[in-house]
Amino acid sequence: MLISNPMNSALNEQVGFEFAASLQYVAIAAHFDQVSLLALPNSTPRDRS
């Protein structure tokens, strides 16, 4: 089954958005891995606000 050109364009655009979001998640993970949040589990919610 073939899809229409507008549907193909919309799907390609959405895939691009999803890929960009996944790269942002990786960048956030790398940042927090580098910062190392070892003290966070020992803190209370009140300490974090």
C-alpha atoms as a PDB file:
ATOM      1  CA  MET A   1       0.000   0.000   0.000  1.00  0.00           C
ATOM      2  CA  LEU A   2       1.383   3.373  -0.997  1.00  0.00           C
ATOM      3  CA  ILE A   3       0.897   6.510   1.037  1.00  0.00           C
ATOM      4  CA  SER A   4       0.257   9.990  -0.269  1.00  0.00           C
ATOM      5  CA  ASN A   5       3.016  12.566  -0.574  1.00  0.00           C
ATOM      6  CA  PRO A   6       1.567  14.770   2.216  1.00  0.00           C
ATOM      7  CA  MET A   7       1.407  11.755   4.542  1.00  0.00           C
ATOM      8  CA  ASN A   8       4.973  10.789   3.630  1.00  0.00           C
ATOM      9  CA  SER A   9       6.161  14.328   4.361  1.00  0.00           C
ATOM     10  CA  ALA A  10       4.322  14.419   7.674  1.00  0.00           C
ATOM     11  CA  LEU A  11       5.795  11.063   8.719  1.00  0.00           C
ATOM     12  CA  ASN A  12       9.300  12.159   7.756  1.00  0.00           C
ATOM     13  CA  GLU A  13       8.866  15.370   9.726  1.00  0.00           C
ATOM     14  CA  GLN A  14       7.670  13.448  12.799  1.00  0.00           C
ATOM     15  CA  VAL A  15      10.558  11.000  12.571  1.00  0.00           C
ATOM     16  CA  GLY A  16      12.899  13.993  12.498  1.00  0.00           C
ATOM     17  CA  PHE A  17      11.263  15.402  15.636  1.00  0.00           C
ATOM     18  CA  GLU A  18      11.554  12.058  17.412  1.00  0.00           C
ATOM     19  CA  PHE A  19      15.207  11.675  16.424  1.00  0.00           C
ATOM     20  CA  ALA A  20      16.004  15.199  17.657  1.00  0.00           C
ATOM     21  CA  ALA A  21      14.263  14.444  20.957  1.00  0.00           C
ATOM     22  CA  SER A  22      16.245  11.223  21.370  1.00  0.00           C
ATOM     23  CA  LEU A  23      19.485  13.144  20.843  1.00  0.00           C
ATOM     24  CA  GLN A  24      18.406  15.625  23.516  1.00  0.00           C
ATOM     25  CA  TYR A  25      17.749  12.760  25.946  1.00  0.00           C
ATOM     26  CA  VAL A  26      21.225  11.374  25.262  1.00  0.00           C
ATOM     27  CA  ALA A  27      22.765  14.818  25.799  1.00  0.00           C
ATOM     28  CA  ILE A  28      20.902  15.234  29.098  1.00  0.00           C
ATOM     29  CA  ALA A  29      21.997  11.760  30.240  1.00  0.00           C
ATOM     30  CA  ALA A  30      25.612  12.487  29.312  1.00  0.00           C
ATOM     31  CA  HIS A  31      25.501  15.787  31.176  1.00  0.00           C
ATOM     32  CA  PHE A  32      24.156  14.254  34.373  1.00  0.00           C
ATOM     33  CA  ASP A  33      26.540  11.319  34.066  1.00  0.00           C
ATOM     34  CA  GLN A  34      29.403  13.803  33.934  1.00  0.00           C
ATOM     35  CA  VAL A  35      28.049  15.920  36.809  1.00  0.00           C
ATOM     36  CA  SER A  36      27.472  12.777  38.910  1.00  0.00           C
ATOM     37  CA  LEU A  37      24.489  13.005  41.170  1.00  0.00           C
ATOM     38  CA  LEU A  38      25.731  10.623  43.850  1.00  0.00           C
ATOM     39  CA  ALA A  39      24.500  12.871  46.684  1.00  0.00           C
ATOM     40  CA  LEU A  40      20.935  13.078  45.347  1.00  0.00           C
ATOM     41  CA  PRO A  41      19.634   9.808  46.861  1.00  0.00           C
ATOM     42  CA  ASN A  42      20.775  10.990  50.304  1.00  0.00           C
ATOM     43  CA  SER A  43      18.852  14.247  50.123  1.00  0.00           C
ATOM     44  CA  THR A  44      15.217  14.804  51.024  1.00  0.00           C
ATOM     45  CA  PRO A  45      12.609  16.426  48.766  1.00  0.00           C
ATOM     46  CA  ARG A  46      12.747  19.501  51.007  1.00  0.00           C
ATOM     47  CA  ASP A  47      16.514  19.805  50.396  1.00  0.00           C
ATOM     48  CA  ARG A  48      15.969  19.830  46.643  1.00  0.00           C
ATOM     49  CA  SER A  49      13.451  22.691  46.533  1.00  0.00           C
END
